[in-house]
Structure formats: structure tokens, C-alpha cells
C-alpha atoms as a PDB file:
ATOM      1  CA  MET A   1      30.387  -0.178 -26.698  1.00  0.00           C
ATOM      2  CA  THR A   2      30.575   0.733 -22.965  1.00  0.00           C
ATOM      3  CA  GLU A   3      28.339  -1.411 -20.789  1.00  0.00           C
ATOM      4  CA  GLN A   4      25.694   0.696 -18.862  1.00  0.00           C
ATOM      5  CA  THR A   5      25.527   0.255 -15.200  1.00  0.00           C
ATOM      6  CA  MET A   6      22.994   1.008 -12.388  1.00  0.00           C
ATOM      7  CA  THR A   7      22.719   0.949  -8.623  1.00  0.00           C
ATOM      8  CA  ALA A   8      21.086  -2.102  -7.192  1.00  0.00           C
ATOM      9  CA  VAL A   9      20.699  -3.686  -3.798  1.00  0.00           C
ATOM     10  CA  ARG A  10      21.915  -7.159  -3.450  1.00  0.00           C
ATOM     11  CA  VAL A  11      22.352  -9.917  -1.013  1.00  0.00           C
ATOM     12  CA  HIS A  12      25.699 -11.742  -1.157  1.00  0.00           C
ATOM     13  CA  ALA A  13      25.144 -13.810   2.045  1.00  0.00           C
ATOM     14  CA  PHE A  14      21.935 -14.712   3.932  1.00  0.00           C
ATOM     15  CA  GLY A  15      21.365 -12.871   7.270  1.00  0.00           C
ATOM     16  CA  GLY A  16      19.905  -9.787   8.933  1.00  0.00           C
ATOM     17  CA  PRO A  17      19.236  -6.359   7.382  1.00  0.00           C
ATOM     18  CA  GLU A  18      22.863  -5.511   7.027  1.00  0.00           C
ATOM     19  CA  VAL A  19      23.508  -7.939   4.274  1.00  0.00           C
ATOM     20  CA  LEU A  20      21.540  -5.569   1.943  1.00  0.00           C
ATOM     21  CA  VAL A  21      24.328  -3.789   0.096  1.00  0.00           C
ATOM     22  CA  ALA A  22      23.852  -1.037  -2.742  1.00  0.00           C
ATOM     23  CA  GLU A  23      26.349  -1.514  -5.535  1.00  0.00           C
ATOM     24  CA  GLU A  24      27.017  -0.809  -9.233  1.00  0.00           C
ATOM     25  CA  VAL A  25      25.863  -3.584 -11.424  1.00  0.00           C
ATOM     26  CA  PRO A  26      25.268  -4.066 -15.199  1.00  0.00           C
ATOM     27  CA  ARG A  27      21.872  -2.724 -16.384  1.00  0.00           C
ATOM     28  CA  PRO A  28      19.634  -5.622 -17.579  1.00  0.00           C
ATOM     29  CA  GLU A  29      18.349  -5.886 -21.168  1.00  0.00           C
ATOM     30  CA  PRO A  30      14.828  -6.880 -21.907  1.00  0.00           C
ATOM     31  CA  GLY A  31      14.294 -10.312 -23.469  1.00  0.00           C
ATOM     32  CA  PRO A  32      11.424 -11.511 -25.579  1.00  0.00           C
ATOM     33  CA  GLY A  33       8.172 -10.397 -24.227  1.00  0.00           C
ATOM     34  CA  ASP A  34       9.803  -8.290 -21.559  1.00  0.00           C
ATOM     35  CA  VAL A  35      10.039  -4.472 -20.946  1.00  0.00           C
ATOM     36  CA  LEU A  36      12.842  -2.609 -19.205  1.00  0.00           C
ATOM     37  CA  VAL A  37      11.430  -0.376 -16.468  1.00  0.00           C
ATOM     38  CA  ARG A  38      13.196   2.706 -14.884  1.00  0.00           C
ATOM     39  CA  VAL A  39      12.195   2.017 -11.333  1.00  0.00           C
ATOM     40  CA  ARG A  40      11.035   5.084  -9.349  1.00  0.00           C
ATOM     41  CA  ALA A  41       9.846   3.248  -6.228  1.00  0.00           C
ATOM     42  CA  ALA A  42       9.803  -0.407  -5.024  1.00  0.00           C
ATOM     43  CA  GLY A  43       7.627  -1.703  -2.301  1.00  0.00           C
ATOM     44  CA  LEU A  44       8.722  -4.115   0.528  1.00  0.00           C
ATOM     45  CA  ASN A  45       6.821  -7.321   1.256  1.00  0.00           C
ATOM     46  CA  PRO A  46       7.421 -10.275   3.672  1.00  0.00           C
ATOM     47  CA  PRO A  47       8.904 -12.515   0.975  1.00  0.00           C
ATOM     48  CA  ASP A  48      11.742  -9.942   0.605  1.00  0.00           C
ATOM     49  CA  TRP A  49      12.949 -10.541   4.291  1.00  0.00           C
ATOM     50  CA  TYR A  50      12.308 -14.214   4.053  1.00  0.00           C
ATOM     51  CA  ALA A  51      14.585 -14.440   1.148  1.00  0.00           C
ATOM     52  CA  ARG A  52      17.203 -12.144   2.656  1.00  0.00           C
ATOM     53  CA  THR A  53      17.494 -14.871   5.443  1.00  0.00           C
ATOM     54  CA  GLY A  54      17.458 -17.626   3.123  1.00  0.00           C
ATOM     55  CA  PHE A  55      13.932 -18.620   4.089  1.00  0.00           C
ATOM     56  CA  ALA A  56      15.081 -19.600   7.611  1.00  0.00           C
ATOM     57  CA  ASN A  57      11.357 -19.492   8.625  1.00  0.00           C
ATOM     58  CA  ILE A  58      10.565 -22.352   6.342  1.00  0.00           C
ATOM     59  CA  PRO A  59      11.683 -26.024   7.074  1.00  0.00           C
ATOM     60  CA  GLU A  60      14.941 -26.698   5.143  1.00  0.00           C
ATOM     61  CA  GLU A  61      13.466 -29.376   2.857  1.00  0.00           C
ATOM     62  CA  LEU A  62      10.732 -26.897   1.811  1.00  0.00           C
ATOM     63  CA  ARG A  63      12.987 -23.809   1.165  1.00  0.00           C
ATOM     64  CA  PRO A  64      12.938 -22.352  -2.273  1.00  0.00           C
ATOM     65  CA  ALA A  65      16.216 -22.418  -4.213  1.00  0.00           C
ATOM     66  CA  LEU A  66      17.905 -18.982  -4.293  1.00  0.00           C
ATOM     67  CA  ARG A  67      21.134 -18.153  -6.087  1.00  0.00           C
ATOM     68  CA  LEU A  68      23.609 -15.657  -4.512  1.00  0.00           C
ATOM     69  CA  PRO A  69      24.090 -12.948  -5.155  1.00  0.00           C
ATOM     70  CA  PHE A  70      20.409 -11.691  -5.747  1.00  0.00           C
ATOM     71  CA  THR A  71      18.410  -8.477  -5.846  1.00  0.00           C
ATOM     72  CA  PRO A  72      15.207  -8.714  -3.837  1.00  0.00           C
ATOM     73  CA  GLY A  73      11.946  -7.001  -4.603  1.00  0.00           C
ATOM     74  CA  SER A  74       8.696  -7.654  -6.656  1.00  0.00           C
ATOM     75  CA  ASP A  75       6.798  -4.629  -6.424  1.00  0.00           C
ATOM     76  CA  ILE A  76       7.778  -1.658  -8.616  1.00  0.00           C
ATOM     77  CA  SER A  77       6.513   1.531 -10.110  1.00  0.00           C
ATOM     78  CA  GLY A  78       8.312   3.337 -12.796  1.00  0.00           C
ATOM     79  CA  VAL A  79       8.606   4.160 -16.501  1.00  0.00           C
ATOM     80  CA  VAL A  80       8.956   1.952 -19.447  1.00  0.00           C
ATOM     81  CA  ALA A  81      12.610   2.549 -20.764  1.00  0.00           C
ATOM     82  CA  ALA A  82      12.956   0.003 -23.469  1.00  0.00           C
ATOM     83  CA  LEU A  83      10.892  -2.839 -25.061  1.00  0.00           C
ATOM     84  CA  GLY A  84      11.878  -6.478 -25.692  1.00  0.00           C
ATOM     85  CA  PRO A  85      11.182  -8.288 -28.913  1.00  0.00           C
ATOM     86  CA  GLY A  86       7.465  -8.896 -29.422  1.00  0.00           C
ATOM     87  CA  VAL A  87       6.151  -6.364 -26.912  1.00  0.00           C
ATOM     88  CA  THR A  88       3.299  -4.224 -28.565  1.00  0.00           C
ATOM     89  CA  GLU A  89       1.175  -3.337 -25.523  1.00  0.00           C
ATOM     90  CA  TRP A  90       3.541  -0.802 -24.110  1.00  0.00           C
ATOM     91  CA  GLU A  91       5.483   2.263 -25.369  1.00  0.00           C
ATOM     92  CA  VAL A  92       8.772   3.907 -24.099  1.00  0.00           C
ATOM     93  CA  GLY A  93       7.643   6.575 -21.506  1.00  0.00           C
ATOM     94  CA  ASP A  94       4.539   4.678 -20.216  1.00  0.00           C
ATOM     95  CA  GLU A  95       4.199   4.952 -16.533  1.00  0.00           C
ATOM     96  CA  VAL A  96       3.668   1.486 -15.092  1.00  0.00           C
ATOM     97  CA  PHE A  97       3.450  -0.557 -11.903  1.00  0.00           C
ATOM     98  CA  GLY A  98       3.438  -4.265 -11.248  1.00  0.00           C
ATOM     99  CA  LEU A  99       3.997  -7.456  -9.205  1.00  0.00           C
ATOM    100  CA  VAL A 100       7.060  -8.796 -11.168  1.00  0.00           C
ATOM    101  CA  ARG A 101       7.627 -12.541 -11.569  1.00  0.00           C
ATOM    102  CA  PHE A 102       5.794 -13.808  -8.427  1.00  0.00           C
ATOM    103  CA  PRO A 103       5.839 -16.540  -7.389  1.00  0.00           C
ATOM    104  CA  PRO A 104       9.504 -16.702  -8.712  1.00  0.00           C
ATOM    105  CA  VAL A 105      10.483 -19.545 -11.022  1.00  0.00           C
ATOM    106  CA  ASP A 106      13.671 -21.282 -10.211  1.00  0.00           C
ATOM    107  CA  GLY A 107      14.732 -18.490  -8.029  1.00  0.00           C
ATOM    108  CA  ASP A 108      14.281 -15.762 -10.692  1.00  0.00           C
ATOM    109  CA  GLY A 109      12.122 -13.100  -9.100  1.00  0.00           C
ATOM    110  CA  GLY A 110      11.423  -9.435  -9.684  1.00  0.00           C
ATOM    111  CA  ARG A 111      14.744  -7.700  -8.858  1.00  0.00           C
ATOM    112  CA  GLY A 112      12.990  -4.550  -7.894  1.00  0.00           C
ATOM    113  CA  TYR A 113      15.416  -2.971  -5.470  1.00  0.00           C
ATOM    114  CA  ALA A 114      17.285  -1.323  -8.310  1.00  0.00           C
ATOM    115  CA  GLU A 115      17.327   1.711 -10.601  1.00  0.00           C
ATOM    116  CA  TYR A 116      16.242  -0.594 -13.577  1.00  0.00           C
ATOM    117  CA  THR A 117      14.492  -3.929 -13.832  1.00  0.00           C
ATOM    118  CA  THR A 118      12.916  -6.141 -16.435  1.00  0.00           C
ATOM    119  CA  SER A 119       9.306  -7.403 -16.348  1.00  0.00           C
ATOM    120  CA  PRO A 120       7.070  -9.689 -18.474  1.00  0.00           C
ATOM    121  CA  ALA A 121       4.843  -7.018 -20.246  1.00  0.00           C
ATOM    122  CA  SER A 122       1.730  -8.951 -18.991  1.00  0.00           C
ATOM    123  CA  HIS A 123       2.812  -8.261 -15.201  1.00  0.00           C
ATOM    124  CA  LEU A 124       2.396  -4.644 -15.467  1.00  0.00           C
ATOM    125  CA  ALA A 125      -0.465  -2.142 -15.575  1.00  0.00           C
ATOM    126  CA  ARG A 126      -0.623   1.668 -16.226  1.00  0.00           C
ATOM    127  CA  LYS A 127       0.101   3.368 -13.052  1.00  0.00           C
ATOM    128  CA  PRO A 128      -2.902   4.992 -11.365  1.00  0.00           C
ATOM    129  CA  ALA A 129      -2.881   8.830 -12.426  1.00  0.00           C
ATOM    130  CA  ALA A 130      -4.208   9.600  -8.922  1.00  0.00           C
ATOM    131  CA  LEU A 131      -1.047   8.190  -7.287  1.00  0.00           C
ATOM    132  CA  ASP A 132       2.598   9.000  -7.342  1.00  0.00           C
ATOM    133  CA  HIS A 133       5.149   6.318  -7.948  1.00  0.00           C
ATOM    134  CA  VAL A 134       5.822   5.802  -4.197  1.00  0.00           C
ATOM    135  CA  GLU A 135       2.107   5.187  -3.566  1.00  0.00           C
ATOM    136  CA  ALA A 136       1.637   3.037  -6.499  1.00  0.00           C
ATOM    137  CA  ALA A 137       4.619   0.833  -5.556  1.00  0.00           C
ATOM    138  CA  GLY A 138       2.724   0.021  -2.395  1.00  0.00           C
ATOM    139  CA  ILE A 139      -0.036  -1.742  -4.071  1.00  0.00           C
ATOM    140  CA  PRO A 140       1.029  -4.732  -6.143  1.00  0.00           C
ATOM    141  CA  MET A 141       1.523  -7.665  -3.812  1.00  0.00           C
ATOM    142  CA  ALA A 142      -0.595  -6.650  -1.051  1.00  0.00           C
ATOM    143  CA  GLY A 143      -3.248  -5.249  -3.249  1.00  0.00           C
ATOM    144  CA  LEU A 144      -3.328  -8.455  -5.510  1.00  0.00           C
ATOM    145  CA  THR A 145      -3.371 -10.554  -2.440  1.00  0.00           C
ATOM    146  CA  ALA A 146      -6.411  -8.885  -1.092  1.00  0.00           C
ATOM    147  CA  TYR A 147      -8.022  -8.827  -4.409  1.00  0.00           C
ATOM    148  CA  GLN A 148      -7.325 -12.449  -5.171  1.00  0.00           C
ATOM    149  CA  PHE A 149      -8.607 -13.698  -1.762  1.00  0.00           C
ATOM    150  CA  LEU A 150     -11.834 -11.625  -1.986  1.00  0.00           C
ATOM    151  CA  PHE A 151     -12.844 -12.279  -5.550  1.00  0.00           C
ATOM    152  CA  ASP A 152     -10.924 -15.418  -6.817  1.00  0.00           C
ATOM    153  CA  HIS A 153     -10.973 -17.640  -3.734  1.00  0.00           C
ATOM    154  CA  VAL A 154     -13.856 -16.355  -1.405  1.00  0.00           C
ATOM    155  CA  ARG A 155     -15.906 -14.779  -4.236  1.00  0.00           C
ATOM    156  CA  LEU A 156     -17.397 -12.283  -1.887  1.00  0.00           C
ATOM    157  CA  GLU A 157     -20.896 -11.635  -2.146  1.00  0.00           C
ATOM    158  CA  PRO A 158     -22.614  -8.048  -1.475  1.00  0.00           C
ATOM    159  CA  GLY A 159     -23.585  -7.163   2.098  1.00  0.00           C
ATOM    160  CA  ARG A 160     -21.533  -9.821   3.816  1.00  0.00           C
ATOM    161  CA  THR A 161     -19.895  -9.530   7.284  1.00  0.00           C
ATOM    162  CA  VAL A 162     -16.054  -9.680   7.154  1.00  0.00           C
ATOM    163  CA  LEU A 163     -13.526  -9.779   9.855  1.00  0.00           C
ATOM    164  CA  VAL A 164      -9.964  -8.671   9.035  1.00  0.00           C
ATOM    165  CA  ASN A 165      -7.271  -9.649  11.621  1.00  0.00           C
ATOM    166  CA  GLY A 166      -4.144  -7.676  11.407  1.00  0.00           C
ATOM    167  CA  ALA A 167      -6.053  -5.049   9.503  1.00  0.00           C
ATOM    168  CA  ALA A 168      -3.537  -2.235   9.585  1.00  0.00           C
ATOM    169  CA  GLY A 169      -0.853  -3.906   7.617  1.00  0.00           C
ATOM    170  CA  GLY A 170      -0.580  -4.008   3.722  1.00  0.00           C
ATOM    171  CA  VAL A 171      -2.998  -6.728   2.834  1.00  0.00           C
ATOM    172  CA  GLY A 172      -5.203  -5.774   5.701  1.00  0.00           C
ATOM    173  CA  HIS A 173      -5.957  -2.153   4.935  1.00  0.00           C
ATOM    174  CA  PHE A 174      -6.632  -3.069   1.250  1.00  0.00           C
ATOM    175  CA  LEU A 175      -9.131  -5.925   2.273  1.00  0.00           C
ATOM    176  CA  ILE A 176     -11.123  -3.247   4.231  1.00  0.00           C
ATOM    177  CA  GLN A 177     -11.341  -0.927   1.267  1.00  0.00           C
ATOM    178  CA  LEU A 178     -12.000  -3.603  -1.385  1.00  0.00           C
ATOM    179  CA  ALA A 179     -14.747  -5.430   0.770  1.00  0.00           C
ATOM    180  CA  THR A 180     -16.426  -2.125   1.772  1.00  0.00           C
ATOM    181  CA  ASN A 181     -16.262  -0.213  -1.499  1.00  0.00           C
ATOM    182  CA  THR A 182     -16.949  -2.966  -4.010  1.00  0.00           C
ATOM    183  CA  ARG A 183     -19.219  -5.213  -2.057  1.00  0.00           C
ATOM    184  CA  ASP A 184     -20.695  -2.936   0.549  1.00  0.00           C
ATOM    185  CA  ALA A 185     -19.470  -5.386   3.213  1.00  0.00           C
ATOM    186  CA  ARG A 186     -19.688  -4.688   6.853  1.00  0.00           C
ATOM    187  CA  VAL A 187     -16.099  -4.930   7.863  1.00  0.00           C
ATOM    188  CA  ILE A 188     -14.784  -5.535  11.505  1.00  0.00           C
ATOM    189  CA  ALA A 189     -11.124  -4.569  11.840  1.00  0.00           C
ATOM    190  CA  VAL A 190      -8.788  -6.045  14.448  1.00  0.00           C
ATOM    191  CA  ALA A 191      -5.585  -4.211  15.352  1.00  0.00           C
ATOM    192  CA  SER A 192      -3.978  -2.404  18.140  1.00  0.00           C
ATOM    193  CA  GLY A 193      -5.535   0.774  19.370  1.00  0.00           C
ATOM    194  CA  ARG A 194      -3.235   3.302  17.777  1.00  0.00           C
ATOM    195  CA  HIS A 195      -4.563   2.162  14.280  1.00  0.00           C
ATOM    196  CA  GLU A 196      -8.322   2.646  15.049  1.00  0.00           C
ATOM    197  CA  ARG A 197      -8.667   6.111  13.267  1.00  0.00           C
ATOM    198  CA  PHE A 198      -6.750   4.923  10.186  1.00  0.00           C
ATOM    199  CA  LEU A 199      -8.990   1.816   9.831  1.00  0.00           C
ATOM    200  CA  ARG A 200     -12.146   3.704  10.355  1.00  0.00           C
ATOM    201  CA  ASP A 201     -11.269   6.247   7.903  1.00  0.00           C
ATOM    202  CA  LEU A 202     -10.713   3.346   5.250  1.00  0.00           C
ATOM    203  CA  GLY A 203     -14.313   2.167   5.984  1.00  0.00           C
ATOM    204  CA  ALA A 204     -14.363  -0.202   8.909  1.00  0.00           C
ATOM    205  CA  ALA A 205     -17.688  -0.405  10.470  1.00  0.00           C
ATOM    206  CA  GLU A 206     -16.346  -1.719  13.849  1.00  0.00           C
ATOM    207  CA  PHE A 207     -12.937  -1.945  15.496  1.00  0.00           C
ATOM    208  CA  VAL A 208     -11.623  -4.267  18.021  1.00  0.00           C
ATOM    209  CA  ASP A 209      -8.242  -3.522  19.854  1.00  0.00           C
ATOM    210  CA  TYR A 210      -6.859  -6.927  20.498  1.00  0.00           C
ATOM    211  CA  THR A 211      -4.440  -5.450  23.053  1.00  0.00           C
ATOM    212  CA  VAL A 212      -7.488  -4.603  25.371  1.00  0.00           C
ATOM    213  CA  THR A 213     -10.191  -7.201  24.280  1.00  0.00           C
ATOM    214  CA  PRO A 214      -9.706 -10.512  22.568  1.00  0.00           C
ATOM    215  CA  PRO A 215     -11.951 -10.455  19.491  1.00  0.00           C
ATOM    216  CA  GLU A 216     -13.193 -14.077  20.060  1.00  0.00           C
ATOM    217  CA  ASP A 217     -14.831 -12.659  23.236  1.00  0.00           C
ATOM    218  CA  VAL A 218     -16.857 -10.106  21.576  1.00  0.00           C
ATOM    219  CA  VAL A 219     -17.408 -11.058  17.837  1.00  0.00           C
ATOM    220  CA  ARG A 220     -19.746 -13.721  16.458  1.00  0.00           C
ATOM    221  CA  ASP A 221     -21.290 -14.845  13.249  1.00  0.00           C
ATOM    222  CA  VAL A 222     -18.984 -13.267  10.672  1.00  0.00           C
ATOM    223  CA  ASP A 223     -19.318 -14.681   7.280  1.00  0.00           C
ATOM    224  CA  HIS A 224     -15.630 -14.404   6.268  1.00  0.00           C
ATOM    225  CA  LEU A 225     -12.494 -14.217   8.317  1.00  0.00           C
ATOM    226  CA  PHE A 226      -9.407 -12.918   6.693  1.00  0.00           C
ATOM    227  CA  ASP A 227      -6.433 -13.568   9.106  1.00  0.00           C
ATOM    228  CA  THR A 228      -3.180 -11.923   7.961  1.00  0.00           C
ATOM    229  CA  VAL A 229      -1.497 -12.748  11.250  1.00  0.00           C
ATOM    230  CA  GLY A 230      -1.747 -16.710  11.474  1.00  0.00           C
ATOM    231  CA  GLY A 231       0.423 -18.567  13.755  1.00  0.00           C
ATOM    232  CA  PRO A 232      -0.109 -21.133  16.475  1.00  0.00           C
ATOM    233  CA  GLU A 233      -3.034 -19.413  18.030  1.00  0.00           C
ATOM    234  CA  GLY A 234      -4.934 -18.725  14.901  1.00  0.00           C
ATOM    235  CA  HIS A 235      -7.661 -21.227  16.355  1.00  0.00           C
ATOM    236  CA  ARG A 236      -8.686 -18.714  18.847  1.00  0.00           C
ATOM    237  CA  LEU A 237     -10.533 -16.823  16.039  1.00  0.00           C
ATOM    238  CA  VAL A 238     -12.508 -19.754  14.787  1.00  0.00           C
ATOM    239  CA  PRO A 239     -15.557 -19.113  17.263  1.00  0.00           C
ATOM    240  CA  VAL A 240     -16.079 -15.694  15.595  1.00  0.00           C
ATOM    241  CA  VAL A 241     -17.136 -17.338  12.253  1.00  0.00           C
ATOM    242  CA  ALA A 242     -20.725 -18.417  11.588  1.00  0.00           C
ATOM    243  CA  PRO A 243     -21.515 -21.978  10.746  1.00  0.00           C
ATOM    244  CA  GLY A 244     -20.927 -22.443   6.949  1.00  0.00           C
ATOM    245  CA  GLY A 245     -18.487 -19.429   6.897  1.00  0.00           C
ATOM    246  CA  THR A 246     -14.980 -19.242   5.761  1.00  0.00           C
ATOM    247  CA  ILE A 247     -11.459 -18.723   7.050  1.00  0.00           C
ATOM    248  CA  SER A 248      -8.882 -17.449   4.728  1.00  0.00           C
ATOM    249  CA  PRO A 249      -5.269 -17.487   6.336  1.00  0.00           C
ATOM    250  CA  VAL A 250      -2.918 -15.111   4.491  1.00  0.00           C
ATOM    251  CA  PHE A 251      -0.143 -16.669   6.642  1.00  0.00           C
ATOM    252  CA  LEU A 252       0.144 -20.167   7.983  1.00  0.00           C
ATOM    253  CA  GLY A 253      -1.733 -20.903  11.155  1.00  0.00           C
ATOM    254  CA  GLU A 254      -3.237 -23.621  13.388  1.00  0.00           C
ATOM    255  CA  TYR A 255      -7.039 -23.550  13.079  1.00  0.00           C
ATOM    256  CA  HIS A 256      -8.044 -26.901  14.448  1.00  0.00           C
ATOM    257  CA  ARG A 257      -9.433 -27.574  11.021  1.00  0.00           C
ATOM    258  CA  GLU A 258     -11.324 -30.814  11.787  1.00  0.00           C
ATOM    259  CA  ARG A 259     -13.371 -28.940  14.530  1.00  0.00           C
ATOM    260  CA  ALA A 260     -14.067 -25.986  12.085  1.00  0.00           C
ATOM    261  CA  ALA A 261     -15.063 -28.567   9.458  1.00  0.00           C
ATOM    262  CA  ALA A 262     -17.702 -29.902  11.896  1.00  0.00           C
ATOM    263  CA  ARG A 263     -19.351 -26.443  11.755  1.00  0.00           C
ATOM    264  CA  GLY A 264     -19.143 -26.326   8.001  1.00  0.00           C
ATOM    265  CA  ILE A 265     -16.384 -23.859   7.872  1.00  0.00           C
ATOM    266  CA  THR A 266     -13.945 -24.008   4.901  1.00  0.00           C
ATOM    267  CA  PHE A 267     -10.691 -22.569   4.163  1.00  0.00           C
ATOM    268  CA  PRO A 268     -10.393 -20.834   0.675  1.00  0.00           C
ATOM    269  CA  SER A 269      -6.963 -19.452  -0.062  1.00  0.00           C
ATOM    270  CA  GLY A 270      -4.238 -19.513  -2.592  1.00  0.00           C
ATOM    271  CA  GLN A 271      -0.694 -18.146  -3.532  1.00  0.00           C
ATOM    272  CA  VAL A 272      -0.738 -14.569  -4.846  1.00  0.00           C
ATOM    273  CA  ARG A 273       0.236 -14.314  -8.385  1.00  0.00           C
ATOM    274  CA  SER A 274       1.415 -11.602 -10.771  1.00  0.00           C
ATOM    275  CA  ASP A 275      -1.626 -10.345 -12.892  1.00  0.00           C
ATOM    276  CA  GLY A 276      -1.470  -7.105 -14.864  1.00  0.00           C
ATOM    277  CA  GLY A 277      -5.299  -7.284 -15.720  1.00  0.00           C
ATOM    278  CA  GLN A 278      -6.294  -7.342 -11.914  1.00  0.00           C
ATOM    279  CA  LEU A 279      -3.641  -4.685 -11.210  1.00  0.00           C
ATOM    280  CA  ALA A 280      -5.380  -2.555 -13.758  1.00  0.00           C
ATOM    281  CA  GLU A 281      -8.734  -2.855 -11.910  1.00  0.00           C
ATOM    282  CA  LEU A 282      -6.981  -1.764  -8.736  1.00  0.00           C
ATOM    283  CA  ALA A 283      -5.632   1.154 -10.686  1.00  0.00           C
ATOM    284  CA  ARG A 284      -9.140   2.048 -11.753  1.00  0.00           C
ATOM    285  CA  LEU A 285     -10.328   1.976  -8.109  1.00  0.00           C
ATOM    286  CA  ALA A 286      -7.475   4.141  -7.056  1.00  0.00           C
ATOM    287  CA  ASP A 287      -8.324   6.725  -9.835  1.00  0.00           C
ATOM    288  CA  ALA A 288     -11.899   6.510  -8.635  1.00  0.00           C
ATOM    289  CA  GLY A 289     -10.887   7.452  -5.088  1.00  0.00           C
ATOM    290  CA  LEU A 290     -11.903   3.989  -3.767  1.00  0.00           C
ATOM    291  CA  LEU A 291      -8.565   2.727  -3.026  1.00  0.00           C
ATOM    292  CA  ARG A 292      -5.867   4.517  -0.827  1.00  0.00           C
ATOM    293  CA  VAL A 293      -2.350   3.394  -0.058  1.00  0.00           C
ATOM    294  CA  GLY A 294      -1.307   3.870   3.495  1.00  0.00           C
ATOM    295  CA  LEU A 295       2.298   4.602   3.731  1.00  0.00           C
ATOM    296  CA  ASP A 296       4.157   3.444   7.032  1.00  0.00           C
ATOM    297  CA  SER A 297       7.533   4.988   5.874  1.00  0.00           C
ATOM    298  CA  VAL A 298       9.568   5.761   2.770  1.00  0.00           C
ATOM    299  CA  HIS A 299      13.307   5.264   2.507  1.00  0.00           C
ATOM    300  CA  PRO A 300      15.973   5.884  -0.204  1.00  0.00           C
ATOM    301  CA  LEU A 301      17.098   2.998  -2.173  1.00  0.00           C
ATOM    302  CA  ALA A 302      20.445   3.028  -0.512  1.00  0.00           C
ATOM    303  CA  ASP A 303      18.746   2.644   2.940  1.00  0.00           C
ATOM    304  CA  ALA A 304      17.212  -0.613   2.177  1.00  0.00           C
ATOM    305  CA  ALA A 305      18.785  -2.201   5.280  1.00  0.00           C
ATOM    306  CA  LYS A 306      17.007   0.518   7.312  1.00  0.00           C
ATOM    307  CA  ALA A 307      13.688  -0.111   5.598  1.00  0.00           C
ATOM    308  CA  HIS A 308      14.130  -3.979   6.577  1.00  0.00           C
ATOM    309  CA  GLU A 309      15.002  -3.079  10.219  1.00  0.00           C
ATOM    310  CA  ARG A 310      11.674  -1.010  10.289  1.00  0.00           C
ATOM    311  CA  ALA A 311       9.787  -4.120   8.871  1.00  0.00           C
ATOM    312  CA  GLU A 312      11.185  -6.375  11.395  1.00  0.00           C
ATOM    313  CA  GLN A 313       9.931  -3.990  14.355  1.00  0.00           C
ATOM    314  CA  GLY A 314       6.308  -4.998  13.257  1.00  0.00           C
ATOM    315  CA  HIS A 315       3.101  -3.141  13.849  1.00  0.00           C
ATOM    316  CA  ILE A 316       3.305  -1.599  10.382  1.00  0.00           C
ATOM    317  CA  GLN A 317       0.468   0.835   9.210  1.00  0.00           C
ATOM    318  CA  GLY A 318       0.202   0.376   5.507  1.00  0.00           C
ATOM    319  CA  LYS A 319       3.297  -0.077   3.450  1.00  0.00           C
ATOM    320  CA  ILE A 320       6.890   0.381   3.480  1.00  0.00           C
ATOM    321  CA  VAL A 321       8.504   1.580   0.263  1.00  0.00           C
ATOM    322  CA  LEU A 322      11.975   2.429  -1.243  1.00  0.00           C
ATOM    323  CA  GLN A 323      12.287   5.597  -3.223  1.00  0.00           C
ATOM    324  CA  VAL A 324      14.707   5.446  -6.185  1.00  0.00           C
ATOM    325  CA  ALA A 325      16.224   8.767  -7.109  1.00  0.00           C
END
């Protein structure tokens, strides 16, 4: 029997976007509890370019193990093509989307930059009917990050005041919508001025253009700060938080935590994880018109390097997605 092949984007050596190469490889087979998905679109996320560089942004002793060559990508949307042994919740032909195998175990991640990939059945949810595959592929990691921060870690109560720093990116634009549309929160969005209309349309009650006005100069007494930027200057935002409030860093940052603790400020956070049940709730919100996916740009699978180049330019509005022909 002739082995079936597919196109996948692989990394054979760590480096810049140019190391992403589209090539023909064997099509995977679903194992027990897995499904084979015909990928229609794959979303880009920061861990994709961190992995591409060999996690050069992380101290060497803390870097996850990666086996070369590998195919990046954890966010997919597509169609179930085959079922592994023991799978009963899906049928061939079902349209699904998911955050696949994240966080990776022993370097085994989602392998989403490909025409086909396998996924644990429990990591998938039915694709929102209101969205096409490109839009759906923009949800999983960023949407689950926002969802888990709001409802698992912070446990957002109705009517609170929330500040989202870096609000125009993938996680940020979902935080605004989820906080506003599910908890009637008053959201203050911080981003550069060109994103103001986009963020107000998503539900932001107030907008601060950080290129003109430092948010710490004009904002006070927020209940919850979600910081998708982090970095060594993160502590500048601590004064905006009310005593007893929370700061949730999506990326590592320096917040002078001892000083913050003296004001009763805590730091609830956690690593995003695959969860088909929570994705199903995000799909429900999308079908109800309560969750939109901002698309920064869409690239063919073969142009994954160009998509990574766009990501490295920064100032992204929404999500970058690869479309699989």
C-alpha cells in the first residue's frame, strides 16, 4: 500500500522565519483516543516563534526540549478525516477546532502547520457555525488564555473595572469581549491610537493611547489588570490597581511584587491548557454574536515564513492565521 503524504511546514534548524520550510511528509495516523483532522486553517501564537528559535528568549537551563525536525502550530480548525480507536464523540466530516496538545509533553505539540494533524478528541470542540475556518483558527490559544484568566484564575465578578494592557492583540481583544459580554465589566483598553476604533467596537468603555499618555498617569482604582505586555517596566502599571485588586501577567514582567503585596494586590495567573469543553463555550459565544475574531492578516500555508515575519513586526491587531488550501 502506497504511503499517503501531505504538505507540512517544518523546522530543521533553529533560527529566523526563513527556517520554516514547506515539504512533503507522511500523513499521520490517529492513535487511541485521537482523531485525524484535515486542517483548513492554523493560527499563529507566540510559542510558535519561540520554538522556531529554540526558545532563545528563555534561559538555557529552562528551555523546553525540542526534537528536530518539528512542525509548529497548536491552533487548528478543520474537518475530522478519521477516528482512532476508542473515539466515539466525533464522526468523520465533523467541523472542529482546537488547541492541540498544549502545553506540549516531551516536545510533542500540536503540529498544526500542515494539511493533516492528529489531536486528542478531548482537545477539540465543534467549530462555531457563525465563523469560517480562518476565523475559528484564531480563537483557541488566545481565546482559552483569556477565558482561563478571567474565569479560572481571577473568577471575574459582574460589574468590575478591568484594564487590559496590550488590548489589540490576540489575548487582549478576547479579554475585552469576554469581560464585557459575560460579566458586564467596565473595560479600559490600552494600546496605540490606531487601534482605538477596533477596541471600542469590541466593547471597551475607555481607551488610553500609551504613545501619547502613560496609563499610570490617568487611570486609578481598577479591580483587575490583565497585562499582555509584561517586561521590565511592568511595575509602572501597579499604581492603576486599587488596594486588594489583582494583576494577571500574560507574559513575564517585573512588578515589584513586595510593594504590590503591601497594598493587598495579588497575582492570579496560570499556563493556558487545552480544554475542549471551554472551547465549546467560546464557540457558543461566537454563535451568539458575543465573540468576534479580529484578523490581522491571513497567509497561505506555504508562506508561513512571511506570517512569522509579520508577527515579528509587532503591533498586531487580532490574530495572524495560515490558510490551508
